[in-house]
Amino acid sequence: MIKRVFVTSMIVILALGAVGWKYQQYITNPWTRDGQIRAQVVQVTPRITGPIIAVHIIDNSEVKAGQALFEVDPRTYQAALEKATASLAQAETLLQRTLDEAHRGHSLARRQPGAISK
């Protein structure tokens, strides 16, 4: 009698485990009448921050590697580029002025050795 109850309870436990396993498989990979559905959904974010002025995709659509997905407002980065360009021009001007002064001082030192104080 105890053996029969043990065997029956083991069969019930195994059946419940199999049903649970199959249900979990169905949840992760659902089946339809026509076939199995398996989707890869990936969260996509832009590499840079800023206001997005255009989205070139539709939700849940397939995209290819290298395809433009977003268009970020370039005004923020354009202003930063212009500021950096102005700083570069200023630094180049300062460099040229310093080189000119060094060249002038070197020439003057060759002509008149005591003309430049140390």
Protein backbone atom coordinates (compact mmCIF):
# COMPACT_ATOMS: atom_id res chain seq x y z
CA MET A 1 0.00 0.00 0.00
CA ILE A 2 2.77 2.46 0.94
CA LYS A 3 4.67 1.49 -2.20
CA ARG A 4 1.61 2.19 -4.35
CA VAL A 5 1.09 5.65 -2.76
CA PHE A 6 4.78 6.46 -3.22
CA VAL A 7 4.77 5.46 -6.90
CA THR A 8 1.53 7.39 -7.54
CA SER A 9 2.84 10.52 -5.80
CA MET A 10 6.11 10.32 -7.77
CA ILE A 11 4.18 10.06 -11.05
CA VAL A 12 2.04 13.07 -10.08
CA ILE A 13 5.13 15.10 -9.09
CA LEU A 14 6.91 14.22 -12.35
CA ALA A 15 3.78 15.09 -14.37
CA LEU A 16 3.47 18.47 -12.61
CA GLY A 17 7.18 19.12 -13.22
CA ALA A 18 6.79 18.28 -16.93
CA VAL A 19 3.75 20.57 -17.24
CA GLY A 20 5.63 23.39 -15.49
CA TRP A 21 8.67 22.92 -17.72
CA LYS A 22 6.52 22.91 -20.89
CA TYR A 23 4.66 26.01 -19.72
CA GLN A 24 7.95 27.83 -19.11
CA GLN A 25 9.10 26.87 -22.61
CA TYR A 26 5.84 28.19 -24.06
CA ILE A 27 6.24 31.50 -22.22
CA THR A 28 9.79 32.05 -23.52
CA ASN A 29 9.15 30.67 -27.06
CA PRO A 30 5.42 30.75 -27.86
CA TRP A 31 4.00 28.55 -30.61
CA THR A 32 1.35 29.59 -33.08
CA ARG A 33 -0.70 27.47 -35.45
CA ASP A 34 1.72 28.31 -38.24
CA GLY A 35 5.04 28.14 -36.46
CA GLN A 36 7.24 29.17 -33.59
CA ILE A 37 7.86 32.81 -32.72
CA ARG A 38 11.25 33.88 -31.47
CA ALA A 39 11.98 37.58 -31.36
CA GLN A 40 15.15 39.40 -30.50
CA VAL A 41 14.25 42.75 -29.02
CA VAL A 42 17.16 44.98 -28.11
CA GLN A 43 17.07 48.37 -26.43
CA VAL A 44 18.83 50.89 -28.67
CA THR A 45 20.13 54.26 -27.51
CA PRO A 46 22.19 56.89 -29.31
CA ARG A 47 25.93 57.08 -28.63
CA ILE A 48 25.72 60.81 -27.96
CA THR A 49 23.25 62.82 -25.96
CA GLY A 50 21.11 65.64 -27.16
CA PRO A 51 17.64 66.41 -28.44
CA ILE A 52 16.51 63.92 -31.07
CA ILE A 53 14.99 65.72 -34.04
CA ALA A 54 14.16 62.67 -36.17
CA VAL A 55 13.62 58.94 -35.68
CA HIS A 56 14.30 56.96 -38.85
CA ILE A 57 12.74 53.68 -37.71
CA ILE A 58 9.34 52.35 -36.70
CA ASP A 59 8.86 50.52 -33.38
CA ASN A 60 9.52 46.78 -33.58
CA SER A 61 10.95 46.97 -37.10
CA GLU A 62 14.00 45.10 -38.29
CA VAL A 63 17.17 47.16 -38.68
CA LYS A 64 20.53 46.48 -40.27
CA ALA A 65 23.98 47.13 -38.84
CA GLY A 66 25.11 50.68 -39.56
CA GLN A 67 21.61 51.93 -40.35
CA ALA A 68 20.85 55.44 -39.08
CA LEU A 69 18.21 55.19 -36.37
CA PHE A 70 18.11 58.68 -34.87
CA GLU A 71 19.06 62.18 -35.89
CA VAL A 72 20.40 64.30 -33.04
CA ASP A 73 20.07 68.09 -33.16
CA PRO A 74 23.47 69.27 -34.46
CA ARG A 75 23.22 72.82 -33.05
CA THR A 76 24.67 71.84 -29.67
CA TYR A 77 27.66 70.11 -31.22
CA GLN A 78 28.04 72.76 -33.93
CA ALA A 79 28.39 75.43 -31.22
CA ALA A 80 30.98 73.32 -29.40
CA LEU A 81 32.86 72.79 -32.68
CA GLU A 82 32.87 76.51 -33.42
CA LYS A 83 34.12 77.27 -29.91
CA ALA A 84 36.89 74.68 -30.24
CA THR A 85 37.83 76.03 -33.69
CA ALA A 86 38.07 79.56 -32.29
CA SER A 87 40.23 78.32 -29.39
CA LEU A 88 42.48 76.49 -31.86
CA ALA A 89 42.87 79.61 -34.02
CA GLN A 90 43.70 81.66 -30.92
CA ALA A 91 46.28 79.09 -29.80
CA GLU A 92 47.83 78.98 -33.28
CA THR A 93 48.07 82.80 -33.31
CA LEU A 94 49.72 82.77 -29.89
CA LEU A 95 52.13 80.05 -31.05
CA GLN A 96 53.06 82.03 -34.15
CA ARG A 97 53.58 85.22 -32.11
CA THR A 98 55.78 83.33 -29.63
CA LEU A 99 57.80 81.74 -32.44
CA ASP A 100 58.24 85.16 -34.09
CA GLU A 101 59.45 86.68 -30.80
CA ALA A 102 61.83 83.77 -30.24
CA HIS A 103 63.19 84.09 -33.79
CA ARG A 104 63.54 87.88 -33.39
CA GLY A 105 65.31 87.42 -30.04
CA HIS A 106 67.62 84.79 -31.51
CA SER A 107 68.53 87.07 -34.42
CA LEU A 108 69.07 90.01 -32.10
CA ALA A 109 71.25 87.91 -29.78
CA ARG A 110 73.45 86.91 -32.71
CA ARG A 111 73.90 90.51 -33.83
CA GLN A 112 74.26 92.06 -30.37
CA PRO A 113 75.21 89.50 -27.71
CA GLY A 114 74.29 91.72 -24.72
CA ALA A 115 71.00 93.05 -26.13
CA ILE A 116 68.71 90.49 -24.42
CA SER A 117 68.73 90.17 -20.65
CA LYS A 118 68.69 86.70 -19.19
